[in-house]
Amino acid sequence: MIAAGNSLSSGVKLGGMPLVGIEVDGDWAAAQVTFQYSRDGGTTWFDVKDDGVEYVVVALTGPDASAVDFRLFLGYDLIRVRSGTAGAPVAQAAGTTVTLLGRKM
């Protein structure tokens, strides 16, 4: 869930499953999706990157869904979702539900 007026979700535990996809509900305002991970229980957060560049999922317009490159999420157990990018976050006007899809390997 990303609360109204915010661009970041709270931390979500993946339970040992890599992230393979993301769904957003009809309240989602069009925006790219990026992710952060924490290895210390949510005290420190880092942007998920691919070859040193922030990993970006194409802009979604709710309701919508997209696959993600699961290889980038191997070893991460606590992540959060950002509406927009680190340099240009997009505050969601309404509270929106974001569903993370994991898969056992």
PDB file of N, CA and C in Angstrom:
ATOM      1  N   MET A   1       0.852  -1.183   0.000  1.00  0.00           N
ATOM      2  CA  MET A   1       0.000   0.000   0.000  1.00  0.00           C
ATOM      3  C   MET A   1       0.892   1.239   0.000  1.00  0.00           C
ATOM      4  N   ILE A   2       0.571   2.162  -0.858  1.00  0.00           N
ATOM      5  CA  ILE A   2       1.185   3.483  -0.829  1.00  0.00           C
ATOM      6  C   ILE A   2       0.089   4.446  -0.394  1.00  0.00           C
ATOM      7  N   ALA A   3       0.293   5.083   0.741  1.00  0.00           N
ATOM      8  CA  ALA A   3      -0.717   5.977   1.298  1.00  0.00           C
ATOM      9  C   ALA A   3      -0.883   7.225   0.436  1.00  0.00           C
ATOM     10  N   ALA A   4      -2.062   7.806   0.505  1.00  0.00           N
ATOM     11  CA  ALA A   4      -2.349   9.039  -0.233  1.00  0.00           C
ATOM     12  C   ALA A   4      -1.312  10.099   0.094  1.00  0.00           C
ATOM     13  N   GLY A   5      -0.795  10.773  -0.939  1.00  0.00           N
ATOM     14  CA  GLY A   5       0.184  11.832  -0.773  1.00  0.00           C
ATOM     15  C   GLY A   5       1.619  11.341  -0.668  1.00  0.00           C
ATOM     16  N   ASN A   6       1.826  10.033  -0.751  1.00  0.00           N
ATOM     17  CA  ASN A   6       3.163   9.453  -0.630  1.00  0.00           C
ATOM     18  C   ASN A   6       3.584   8.765  -1.920  1.00  0.00           C
ATOM     19  N   SER A   7       4.889   8.485  -2.011  1.00  0.00           N
ATOM     20  CA  SER A   7       5.412   7.793  -3.188  1.00  0.00           C
ATOM     21  C   SER A   7       6.083   6.469  -2.830  1.00  0.00           C
ATOM     22  N   LEU A   8       6.221   6.176  -1.530  1.00  0.00           N
ATOM     23  CA  LEU A   8       6.875   4.935  -1.101  1.00  0.00           C
ATOM     24  C   LEU A   8       5.933   4.076  -0.282  1.00  0.00           C
ATOM     25  N   SER A   9       6.001   2.765  -0.517  1.00  0.00           N
ATOM     26  CA  SER A   9       5.251   1.831   0.312  1.00  0.00           C
ATOM     27  C   SER A   9       6.042   1.570   1.587  1.00  0.00           C
ATOM     28  N   SER A  10       5.432   0.903   2.520  1.00  0.00           N
ATOM     29  CA  SER A  10       6.189   0.413   3.670  1.00  0.00           C
ATOM     30  C   SER A  10       6.957  -0.824   3.216  1.00  0.00           C
ATOM     31  N   GLY A  11       7.860  -1.300   4.050  1.00  0.00           N
ATOM     32  CA  GLY A  11       8.651  -2.472   3.700  1.00  0.00           C
ATOM     33  C   GLY A  11       7.792  -3.729   3.632  1.00  0.00           C
ATOM     34  N   VAL A  12       8.103  -4.583   2.660  1.00  0.00           N
ATOM     35  CA  VAL A  12       7.378  -5.838   2.469  1.00  0.00           C
ATOM     36  C   VAL A  12       8.383  -6.977   2.481  1.00  0.00           C
ATOM     37  N   LYS A  13       8.135  -7.981   3.316  1.00  0.00           N
ATOM     38  CA  LYS A  13       9.003  -9.159   3.346  1.00  0.00           C
ATOM     39  C   LYS A  13       8.595 -10.099   2.220  1.00  0.00           C
ATOM     40  N   LEU A  14       9.572 -10.554   1.470  1.00  0.00           N
ATOM     41  CA  LEU A  14       9.307 -11.452   0.344  1.00  0.00           C
ATOM     42  C   LEU A  14       9.287 -12.921   0.761  1.00  0.00           C
ATOM     43  N   GLY A  15       9.678 -13.215   1.978  1.00  0.00           N
ATOM     44  CA  GLY A  15       9.596 -14.586   2.472  1.00  0.00           C
ATOM     45  C   GLY A  15      10.443 -15.577   1.701  1.00  0.00           C
ATOM     46  N   GLY A  16      11.592 -15.137   1.229  1.00  0.00           N
ATOM     47  CA  GLY A  16      12.495 -16.034   0.518  1.00  0.00           C
ATOM     48  C   GLY A  16      12.167 -16.250  -0.948  1.00  0.00           C
ATOM     49  N   MET A  17      11.115 -15.607  -1.431  1.00  0.00           N
ATOM     50  CA  MET A  17      10.749 -15.741  -2.842  1.00  0.00           C
ATOM     51  C   MET A  17      11.185 -14.494  -3.603  1.00  0.00           C
ATOM     52  N   PRO A  18      11.843 -14.646  -4.741  1.00  0.00           N
ATOM     53  CA  PRO A  18      12.182 -13.456  -5.514  1.00  0.00           C
ATOM     54  C   PRO A  18      10.928 -12.828  -6.120  1.00  0.00           C
ATOM     55  N   LEU A  19      10.971 -11.533  -6.262  1.00  0.00           N
ATOM     56  CA  LEU A  19       9.882 -10.791  -6.883  1.00  0.00           C
ATOM     57  C   LEU A  19       9.864 -11.095  -8.379  1.00  0.00           C
ATOM     58  N   VAL A  20       8.695 -11.436  -8.916  1.00  0.00           N
ATOM     59  CA  VAL A  20       8.590 -11.718 -10.356  1.00  0.00           C
ATOM     60  C   VAL A  20       7.612 -10.789 -11.063  1.00  0.00           C
ATOM     61  N   GLY A  21       6.779 -10.081 -10.293  1.00  0.00           N
ATOM     62  CA  GLY A  21       5.818  -9.187 -10.927  1.00  0.00           C
ATOM     63  C   GLY A  21       5.190  -8.243  -9.930  1.00  0.00           C
ATOM     64  N   ILE A  22       4.495  -7.258 -10.465  1.00  0.00           N
ATOM     65  CA  ILE A  22       3.837  -6.245  -9.647  1.00  0.00           C
ATOM     66  C   ILE A  22       2.496  -5.904 -10.274  1.00  0.00           C
ATOM     67  N   GLU A  23       1.489  -5.700  -9.417  1.00  0.00           N
ATOM     68  CA  GLU A  23       0.162  -5.275  -9.863  1.00  0.00           C
ATOM     69  C   GLU A  23      -0.210  -4.008  -9.100  1.00  0.00           C
ATOM     70  N   VAL A  24      -0.872  -3.091  -9.781  1.00  0.00           N
ATOM     71  CA  VAL A  24      -1.377  -1.888  -9.125  1.00  0.00           C
ATOM     72  C   VAL A  24      -2.881  -1.804  -9.353  1.00  0.00           C
ATOM     73  N   ASP A  25      -3.591  -1.237  -8.378  1.00  0.00           N
ATOM     74  CA  ASP A  25      -5.047  -1.160  -8.493  1.00  0.00           C
ATOM     75  C   ASP A  25      -5.486   0.053  -9.309  1.00  0.00           C
ATOM     76  N   GLY A  26      -6.793   0.218  -9.424  1.00  0.00           N
ATOM     77  CA  GLY A  26      -7.355   1.292 -10.242  1.00  0.00           C
ATOM     78  C   GLY A  26      -7.096   2.693  -9.723  1.00  0.00           C
ATOM     79  N   ASP A  27      -6.671   2.831  -8.459  1.00  0.00           N
ATOM     80  CA  ASP A  27      -6.383   4.150  -7.903  1.00  0.00           C
ATOM     81  C   ASP A  27      -4.964   4.625  -8.221  1.00  0.00           C
ATOM     82  N   TRP A  28      -4.158   3.750  -8.824  1.00  0.00           N
ATOM     83  CA  TRP A  28      -2.766   4.093  -9.139  1.00  0.00           C
ATOM     84  C   TRP A  28      -2.731   5.198 -10.184  1.00  0.00           C
ATOM     85  N   ALA A  29      -2.050   6.305  -9.876  1.00  0.00           N
ATOM     86  CA  ALA A  29      -1.825   7.377 -10.848  1.00  0.00           C
ATOM     87  C   ALA A  29      -0.626   6.983 -11.705  1.00  0.00           C
ATOM     88  N   ALA A  30      -0.724   7.158 -13.001  1.00  0.00           N
ATOM     89  CA  ALA A  30       0.319   6.729 -13.937  1.00  0.00           C
ATOM     90  C   ALA A  30       1.706   7.149 -13.465  1.00  0.00           C
ATOM     91  N   ALA A  31       2.602   6.171 -13.386  1.00  0.00           N
ATOM     92  CA  ALA A  31       3.972   6.445 -12.956  1.00  0.00           C
ATOM     93  C   ALA A  31       4.836   5.218 -13.212  1.00  0.00           C
ATOM     94  N   GLN A  32       6.122   5.461 -13.401  1.00  0.00           N
ATOM     95  CA  GLN A  32       7.074   4.368 -13.439  1.00  0.00           C
ATOM     96  C   GLN A  32       7.152   3.775 -12.031  1.00  0.00           C
ATOM     97  N   VAL A  33       7.728   2.582 -11.928  1.00  0.00           N
ATOM     98  CA  VAL A  33       7.870   1.928 -10.631  1.00  0.00           C
ATOM     99  C   VAL A  33       9.342   1.598 -10.414  1.00  0.00           C
ATOM    100  N   THR A  34       9.838   1.924  -9.225  1.00  0.00           N
ATOM    101  CA  THR A  34      11.194   1.557  -8.834  1.00  0.00           C
ATOM    102  C   THR A  34      11.113   0.908  -7.452  1.00  0.00           C
ATOM    103  N   PHE A  35      12.234   0.379  -6.992  1.00  0.00           N
ATOM    104  CA  PHE A  35      12.240  -0.393  -5.759  1.00  0.00           C
ATOM    105  C   PHE A  35      13.432  -0.024  -4.895  1.00  0.00           C
ATOM    106  N   GLN A  36      13.286  -0.259  -3.606  1.00  0.00           N
ATOM    107  CA  GLN A  36      14.388  -0.156  -2.667  1.00  0.00           C
ATOM    108  C   GLN A  36      14.456  -1.452  -1.872  1.00  0.00           C
ATOM    109  N   TYR A  37      15.643  -1.772  -1.344  1.00  0.00           N
ATOM    110  CA  TYR A  37      15.797  -2.944  -0.490  1.00  0.00           C
ATOM    111  C   TYR A  37      16.546  -2.544   0.775  1.00  0.00           C
ATOM    112  N   SER A  38      16.338  -3.354   1.810  1.00  0.00           N
ATOM    113  CA  SER A  38      17.041  -3.152   3.071  1.00  0.00           C
ATOM    114  C   SER A  38      17.576  -4.493   3.545  1.00  0.00           C
ATOM    115  N   ARG A  39      18.808  -4.490   4.019  1.00  0.00           N
ATOM    116  CA  ARG A  39      19.417  -5.698   4.577  1.00  0.00           C
ATOM    117  C   ARG A  39      19.497  -5.639   6.104  1.00  0.00           C
ATOM    118  N   ASP A  40      19.053  -4.517   6.705  1.00  0.00           N
ATOM    119  CA  ASP A  40      19.167  -4.372   8.155  1.00  0.00           C
ATOM    120  C   ASP A  40      17.810  -4.174   8.827  1.00  0.00           C
ATOM    121  N   GLY A  41      16.771  -4.764   8.258  1.00  0.00           N
ATOM    122  CA  GLY A  41      15.449  -4.700   8.873  1.00  0.00           C
ATOM    123  C   GLY A  41      14.686  -3.418   8.639  1.00  0.00           C
ATOM    124  N   GLY A  42      15.128  -2.604   7.708  1.00  0.00           N
ATOM    125  CA  GLY A  42      14.387  -1.403   7.349  1.00  0.00           C
ATOM    126  C   GLY A  42      14.962  -0.106   7.883  1.00  0.00           C
ATOM    127  N   THR A  43      16.164  -0.156   8.464  1.00  0.00           N
ATOM    128  CA  THR A  43      16.802   1.069   8.934  1.00  0.00           C
ATOM    129  C   THR A  43      17.437   1.828   7.779  1.00  0.00           C
ATOM    130  N   THR A  44      18.134   1.103   6.919  1.00  0.00           N
ATOM    131  CA  THR A  44      18.825   1.698   5.778  1.00  0.00           C
ATOM    132  C   THR A  44      18.245   1.116   4.496  1.00  0.00           C
ATOM    133  N   TRP A  45      17.952   1.985   3.541  1.00  0.00           N
ATOM    134  CA  TRP A  45      17.361   1.557   2.265  1.00  0.00           C
ATOM    135  C   TRP A  45      18.278   1.936   1.112  1.00  0.00           C
ATOM    136  N   PHE A  46      18.331   1.066   0.104  1.00  0.00           N
ATOM    137  CA  PHE A  46      19.127   1.290  -1.100  1.00  0.00           C
ATOM    138  C   PHE A  46      18.249   1.075  -2.322  1.00  0.00           C
ATOM    139  N   ASP A  47      18.496   1.846  -3.370  1.00  0.00           N
ATOM    140  CA  ASP A  47      17.764   1.654  -4.617  1.00  0.00           C
ATOM    141  C   ASP A  47      18.208   0.360  -5.278  1.00  0.00           C
ATOM    142  N   VAL A  48      17.259  -0.397  -5.835  1.00  0.00           N
ATOM    143  CA  VAL A  48      17.586  -1.581  -6.617  1.00  0.00           C
ATOM    144  C   VAL A  48      18.130  -1.094  -7.954  1.00  0.00           C
ATOM    145  N   LYS A  49      19.316  -1.576  -8.303  1.00  0.00           N
ATOM    146  CA  LYS A  49      19.965  -1.130  -9.537  1.00  0.00           C
ATOM    147  C   LYS A  49      20.334  -2.314 -10.411  1.00  0.00           C
ATOM    148  N   ASP A  50      20.429  -2.053 -11.687  1.00  0.00           N
ATOM    149  CA  ASP A  50      20.876  -3.022 -12.683  1.00  0.00           C
ATOM    150  C   ASP A  50      22.081  -2.407 -13.382  1.00  0.00           C
ATOM    151  N   ASP A  51      23.226  -3.001 -13.210  1.00  0.00           N
ATOM    152  CA  ASP A  51      24.476  -2.463 -13.770  1.00  0.00           C
ATOM    153  C   ASP A  51      24.706  -1.007 -13.378  1.00  0.00           C
ATOM    154  N   GLY A  52      24.408  -0.685 -12.114  1.00  0.00           N
ATOM    155  CA  GLY A  52      24.674   0.649 -11.595  1.00  0.00           C
ATOM    156  C   GLY A  52      23.623   1.697 -11.893  1.00  0.00           C
ATOM    157  N   VAL A  53      22.550   1.309 -12.592  1.00  0.00           N
ATOM    158  CA  VAL A  53      21.485   2.248 -12.955  1.00  0.00           C
ATOM    159  C   VAL A  53      20.199   1.815 -12.265  1.00  0.00           C
ATOM    160  N   GLU A  54      19.476   2.776 -11.718  1.00  0.00           N
ATOM    161  CA  GLU A  54      18.223   2.459 -11.042  1.00  0.00           C
ATOM    162  C   GLU A  54      17.328   1.608 -11.943  1.00  0.00           C
ATOM    163  N   TYR A  55      16.835   0.491 -11.394  1.00  0.00           N
ATOM    164  CA  TYR A  55      15.960  -0.411 -12.144  1.00  0.00           C
ATOM    165  C   TYR A  55      14.563   0.201 -12.201  1.00  0.00           C
ATOM    166  N   VAL A  56      14.040   0.386 -13.404  1.00  0.00           N
ATOM    167  CA  VAL A  56      12.756   1.047 -13.609  1.00  0.00           C
ATOM    168  C   VAL A  56      11.814   0.128 -14.371  1.00  0.00           C
ATOM    169  N   VAL A  57      10.616  -0.047 -13.829  1.00  0.00           N
ATOM    170  CA  VAL A  57       9.540  -0.745 -14.539  1.00  0.00           C
ATOM    171  C   VAL A  57       8.793   0.314 -15.334  1.00  0.00           C
ATOM    172  N   VAL A  58       8.424  -0.015 -16.551  1.00  0.00           N
ATOM    173  CA  VAL A  58       7.714   0.945 -17.407  1.00  0.00           C
ATOM    174  C   VAL A  58       6.532   1.548 -16.660  1.00  0.00           C
ATOM    175  N   ALA A  59       6.112   2.710 -17.083  1.00  0.00           N
ATOM    176  CA  ALA A  59       4.998   3.391 -16.429  1.00  0.00           C
ATOM    177  C   ALA A  59       3.750   2.521 -16.458  1.00  0.00           C
ATOM    178  N   LEU A  60       3.127   2.396 -15.298  1.00  0.00           N
ATOM    179  CA  LEU A  60       1.876   1.657 -15.182  1.00  0.00           C
ATOM    180  C   LEU A  60       0.745   2.648 -14.990  1.00  0.00           C
ATOM    181  N   THR A  61      -0.422   2.309 -15.534  1.00  0.00           N
ATOM    182  CA  THR A  61      -1.633   3.088 -15.338  1.00  0.00           C
ATOM    183  C   THR A  61      -2.667   2.146 -14.761  1.00  0.00           C
ATOM    184  N   GLY A  62      -3.101   2.411 -13.525  1.00  0.00           N
ATOM    185  CA  GLY A  62      -3.972   1.460 -12.829  1.00  0.00           C
ATOM    186  C   GLY A  62      -5.324   1.275 -13.464  1.00  0.00           C
ATOM    187  N   PRO A  63      -5.900   0.074 -13.358  1.00  0.00           N
ATOM    188  CA  PRO A  63      -5.237  -1.136 -12.884  1.00  0.00           C
ATOM    189  C   PRO A  63      -4.305  -1.685 -13.964  1.00  0.00           C
ATOM    190  N   ASP A  64      -3.163  -2.194 -13.541  1.00  0.00           N
ATOM    191  CA  ASP A  64      -2.161  -2.663 -14.494  1.00  0.00           C
ATOM    192  C   ASP A  64      -1.223  -3.640 -13.795  1.00  0.00           C
ATOM    193  N   ALA A  65      -0.407  -4.319 -14.580  1.00  0.00           N
ATOM    194  CA  ALA A  65       0.563  -5.264 -14.034  1.00  0.00           C
ATOM    195  C   ALA A  65       1.776  -5.311 -14.945  1.00  0.00           C
ATOM    196  N   SER A  66       2.903  -5.739 -14.381  1.00  0.00           N
ATOM    197  CA  SER A  66       4.125  -5.877 -15.162  1.00  0.00           C
ATOM    198  C   SER A  66       5.000  -6.944 -14.529  1.00  0.00           C
ATOM    199  N   ALA A  67       5.710  -7.666 -15.366  1.00  0.00           N
ATOM    200  CA  ALA A  67       6.736  -8.580 -14.874  1.00  0.00           C
ATOM    201  C   ALA A  67       7.956  -7.767 -14.490  1.00  0.00           C
ATOM    202  N   VAL A  68       8.769  -8.316 -13.591  1.00  0.00           N
ATOM    203  CA  VAL A  68      10.039  -7.690 -13.230  1.00  0.00           C
ATOM    204  C   VAL A  68      11.142  -8.723 -13.412  1.00  0.00           C
ATOM    205  N   ASP A  69      12.364  -8.273 -13.521  1.00  0.00           N
ATOM    206  CA  ASP A  69      13.514  -9.159 -13.677  1.00  0.00           C
ATOM    207  C   ASP A  69      13.849  -9.743 -12.312  1.00  0.00           C
ATOM    208  N   PHE A  70      13.402 -10.965 -12.055  1.00  0.00           N
ATOM    209  CA  PHE A  70      13.551 -11.575 -10.740  1.00  0.00           C
ATOM    210  C   PHE A  70      15.007 -11.682 -10.299  1.00  0.00           C
ATOM    211  N   ARG A  71      15.922 -11.742 -11.244  1.00  0.00           N
ATOM    212  CA  ARG A  71      17.331 -11.897 -10.885  1.00  0.00           C
ATOM    213  C   ARG A  71      17.832 -10.728 -10.046  1.00  0.00           C
ATOM    214  N   LEU A  72      17.245  -9.565 -10.232  1.00  0.00           N
ATOM    215  CA  LEU A  72      17.663  -8.385  -9.481  1.00  0.00           C
ATOM    216  C   LEU A  72      17.212  -8.433  -8.024  1.00  0.00           C
ATOM    217  N   PHE A  73      16.300  -9.334  -7.692  1.00  0.00           N
ATOM    218  CA  PHE A  73      15.729  -9.390  -6.349  1.00  0.00           C
ATOM    219  C   PHE A  73      16.174 -10.619  -5.565  1.00  0.00           C
ATOM    220  N   LEU A  74      17.038 -11.436  -6.147  1.00  0.00           N
ATOM    221  CA  LEU A  74      17.552 -12.601  -5.433  1.00  0.00           C
ATOM    222  C   LEU A  74      18.361 -12.133  -4.224  1.00  0.00           C
ATOM    223  N   GLY A  75      18.087 -12.684  -3.086  1.00  0.00           N
ATOM    224  CA  GLY A  75      18.810 -12.324  -1.874  1.00  0.00           C
ATOM    225  C   GLY A  75      18.212 -11.163  -1.107  1.00  0.00           C
ATOM    226  N   TYR A  76      17.228 -10.479  -1.658  1.00  0.00           N
ATOM    227  CA  TYR A  76      16.578  -9.383  -0.939  1.00  0.00           C
ATOM    228  C   TYR A  76      15.314  -9.926  -0.286  1.00  0.00           C
ATOM    229  N   ASP A  77      15.173  -9.699   1.011  1.00  0.00           N
ATOM    230  CA  ASP A  77      13.979 -10.170   1.686  1.00  0.00           C
ATOM    231  C   ASP A  77      13.030  -9.032   2.047  1.00  0.00           C
ATOM    232  N   LEU A  78      13.544  -7.828   2.190  1.00  0.00           N
ATOM    233  CA  LEU A  78      12.712  -6.691   2.570  1.00  0.00           C
ATOM    234  C   LEU A  78      12.845  -5.615   1.495  1.00  0.00           C
ATOM    235  N   ILE A  79      11.735  -5.335   0.822  1.00  0.00           N
ATOM    236  CA  ILE A  79      11.763  -4.319  -0.230  1.00  0.00           C
ATOM    237  C   ILE A  79      10.595  -3.362  -0.038  1.00  0.00           C
ATOM    238  N   ARG A  80      10.695  -2.237  -0.702  1.00  0.00           N
ATOM    239  CA  ARG A  80       9.555  -1.332  -0.779  1.00  0.00           C
ATOM    240  C   ARG A  80       9.464  -0.806  -2.205  1.00  0.00           C
ATOM    241  N   VAL A  81       8.277  -0.366  -2.548  1.00  0.00           N
ATOM    242  CA  VAL A  81       7.954   0.070  -3.906  1.00  0.00           C
ATOM    243  C   VAL A  81       7.880   1.594  -3.925  1.00  0.00           C
ATOM    244  N   ARG A  82       8.446   2.168  -4.978  1.00  0.00           N
ATOM    245  CA  ARG A  82       8.363   3.620  -5.153  1.00  0.00           C
ATOM    246  C   ARG A  82       7.558   3.928  -6.407  1.00  0.00           C
ATOM    247  N   SER A  83       6.662   4.876  -6.281  1.00  0.00           N
ATOM    248  CA  SER A  83       5.957   5.432  -7.426  1.00  0.00           C
ATOM    249  C   SER A  83       6.864   6.511  -8.001  1.00  0.00           C
ATOM    250  N   GLY A  84       7.361   6.277  -9.221  1.00  0.00           N
ATOM    251  CA  GLY A  84       8.321   7.192  -9.820  1.00  0.00           C
ATOM    252  C   GLY A  84       9.734   6.704  -9.578  1.00  0.00           C
ATOM    253  N   THR A  85      10.690   7.595  -9.734  1.00  0.00           N
ATOM    254  CA  THR A  85      12.101   7.237  -9.577  1.00  0.00           C
ATOM    255  C   THR A  85      12.683   7.987  -8.378  1.00  0.00           C
ATOM    256  N   ALA A  86      13.924   7.644  -8.018  1.00  0.00           N
ATOM    257  CA  ALA A  86      14.577   8.337  -6.906  1.00  0.00           C
ATOM    258  C   ALA A  86      14.660   9.837  -7.185  1.00  0.00           C
ATOM    259  N   GLY A  87      14.948  10.202  -8.435  1.00  0.00           N
ATOM    260  CA  GLY A  87      15.081  11.606  -8.800  1.00  0.00           C
ATOM    261  C   GLY A  87      13.769  12.315  -9.068  1.00  0.00           C
ATOM    262  N   ALA A  88      12.716  11.540  -9.324  1.00  0.00           N
ATOM    263  CA  ALA A  88      11.411  12.130  -9.634  1.00  0.00           C
ATOM    264  C   ALA A  88      10.287  11.260  -9.077  1.00  0.00           C
ATOM    265  N   PRO A  89      10.147  11.218  -7.741  1.00  0.00           N
ATOM    266  CA  PRO A  89       9.068  10.425  -7.153  1.00  0.00           C
ATOM    267  C   PRO A  89       7.706  11.022  -7.514  1.00  0.00           C
ATOM    268  N   VAL A  90       6.695  10.158  -7.609  1.00  0.00           N
ATOM    269  CA  VAL A  90       5.342  10.595  -7.957  1.00  0.00           C
ATOM    270  C   VAL A  90       4.422  10.279  -6.783  1.00  0.00           C
ATOM    271  N   ALA A  91       3.957  11.307  -6.094  1.00  0.00           N
ATOM    272  CA  ALA A  91       3.029  11.100  -4.980  1.00  0.00           C
ATOM    273  C   ALA A  91       1.699  10.595  -5.539  1.00  0.00           C
ATOM    274  N   GLN A  92       1.172   9.566  -4.923  1.00  0.00           N
ATOM    275  CA  GLN A  92      -0.126   9.031  -5.325  1.00  0.00           C
ATOM    276  C   GLN A  92      -1.212   9.845  -4.624  1.00  0.00           C
ATOM    277  N   ALA A  93      -2.151  10.393  -5.403  1.00  0.00           N
ATOM    278  CA  ALA A  93      -3.196  11.252  -4.844  1.00  0.00           C
ATOM    279  C   ALA A  93      -4.104  10.475  -3.899  1.00  0.00           C
ATOM    280  N   ALA A  94      -4.437   9.255  -4.294  1.00  0.00           N
ATOM    281  CA  ALA A  94      -5.277   8.393  -3.462  1.00  0.00           C
ATOM    282  C   ALA A  94      -4.420   7.250  -2.941  1.00  0.00           C
ATOM    283  N   GLY A  95      -4.802   6.690  -1.820  1.00  0.00           N
ATOM    284  CA  GLY A  95      -4.111   5.497  -1.345  1.00  0.00           C
ATOM    285  C   GLY A  95      -4.288   4.404  -2.384  1.00  0.00           C
ATOM    286  N   THR A  96      -3.234   3.686  -2.690  1.00  0.00           N
ATOM    287  CA  THR A  96      -3.300   2.678  -3.741  1.00  0.00           C
ATOM    288  C   THR A  96      -2.694   1.368  -3.268  1.00  0.00           C
ATOM    289  N   THR A  97      -3.285   0.271  -3.689  1.00  0.00           N
ATOM    290  CA  THR A  97      -2.792  -1.046  -3.323  1.00  0.00           C
ATOM    291  C   THR A  97      -1.836  -1.541  -4.381  1.00  0.00           C
ATOM    292  N   VAL A  98      -0.664  -1.966  -3.938  1.00  0.00           N
ATOM    293  CA  VAL A  98       0.348  -2.530  -4.808  1.00  0.00           C
ATOM    294  C   VAL A  98       0.537  -3.978  -4.374  1.00  0.00           C
ATOM    295  N   THR A  99       0.371  -4.909  -5.297  1.00  0.00           N
ATOM    296  CA  THR A  99       0.524  -6.319  -4.994  1.00  0.00           C
ATOM    297  C   THR A  99       1.833  -6.818  -5.597  1.00  0.00           C
ATOM    298  N   LEU A 100       2.674  -7.400  -4.743  1.00  0.00           N
ATOM    299  CA  LEU A 100       3.942  -7.959  -5.203  1.00  0.00           C
ATOM    300  C   LEU A 100       3.761  -9.449  -5.433  1.00  0.00           C
ATOM    301  N   LEU A 101       4.231  -9.910  -6.562  1.00  0.00           N
ATOM    302  CA  LEU A 101       4.094 -11.318  -6.922  1.00  0.00           C
ATOM    303  C   LEU A 101       5.432 -12.005  -6.809  1.00  0.00           C
ATOM    304  N   GLY A 102       5.513 -13.023  -5.962  1.00  0.00           N
ATOM    305  CA  GLY A 102       6.736 -13.783  -5.782  1.00  0.00           C
ATOM    306  C   GLY A 102       6.552 -15.200  -6.306  1.00  0.00           C
ATOM    307  N   ARG A 103       7.651 -15.902  -6.434  1.00  0.00           N
ATOM    308  CA  ARG A 103       7.581 -17.278  -6.923  1.00  0.00           C
ATOM    309  C   ARG A 103       8.668 -18.103  -6.255  1.00  0.00           C
ATOM    310  N   LYS A 104       8.300 -19.270  -5.789  1.00  0.00           N
ATOM    311  CA  LYS A 104       9.290 -20.164  -5.208  1.00  0.00           C
ATOM    312  C   LYS A 104      10.211 -20.641  -6.294  1.00  0.00           C
ATOM    313  N   MET A 105      11.496 -20.696  -5.966  1.00  0.00           N
ATOM    314  CA  MET A 105      12.476 -21.144  -6.952  1.00  0.00           C
ATOM    315  C   MET A 105      12.797 -22.602  -6.746  1.00  0.00           C
TER     316      MET A 105
END
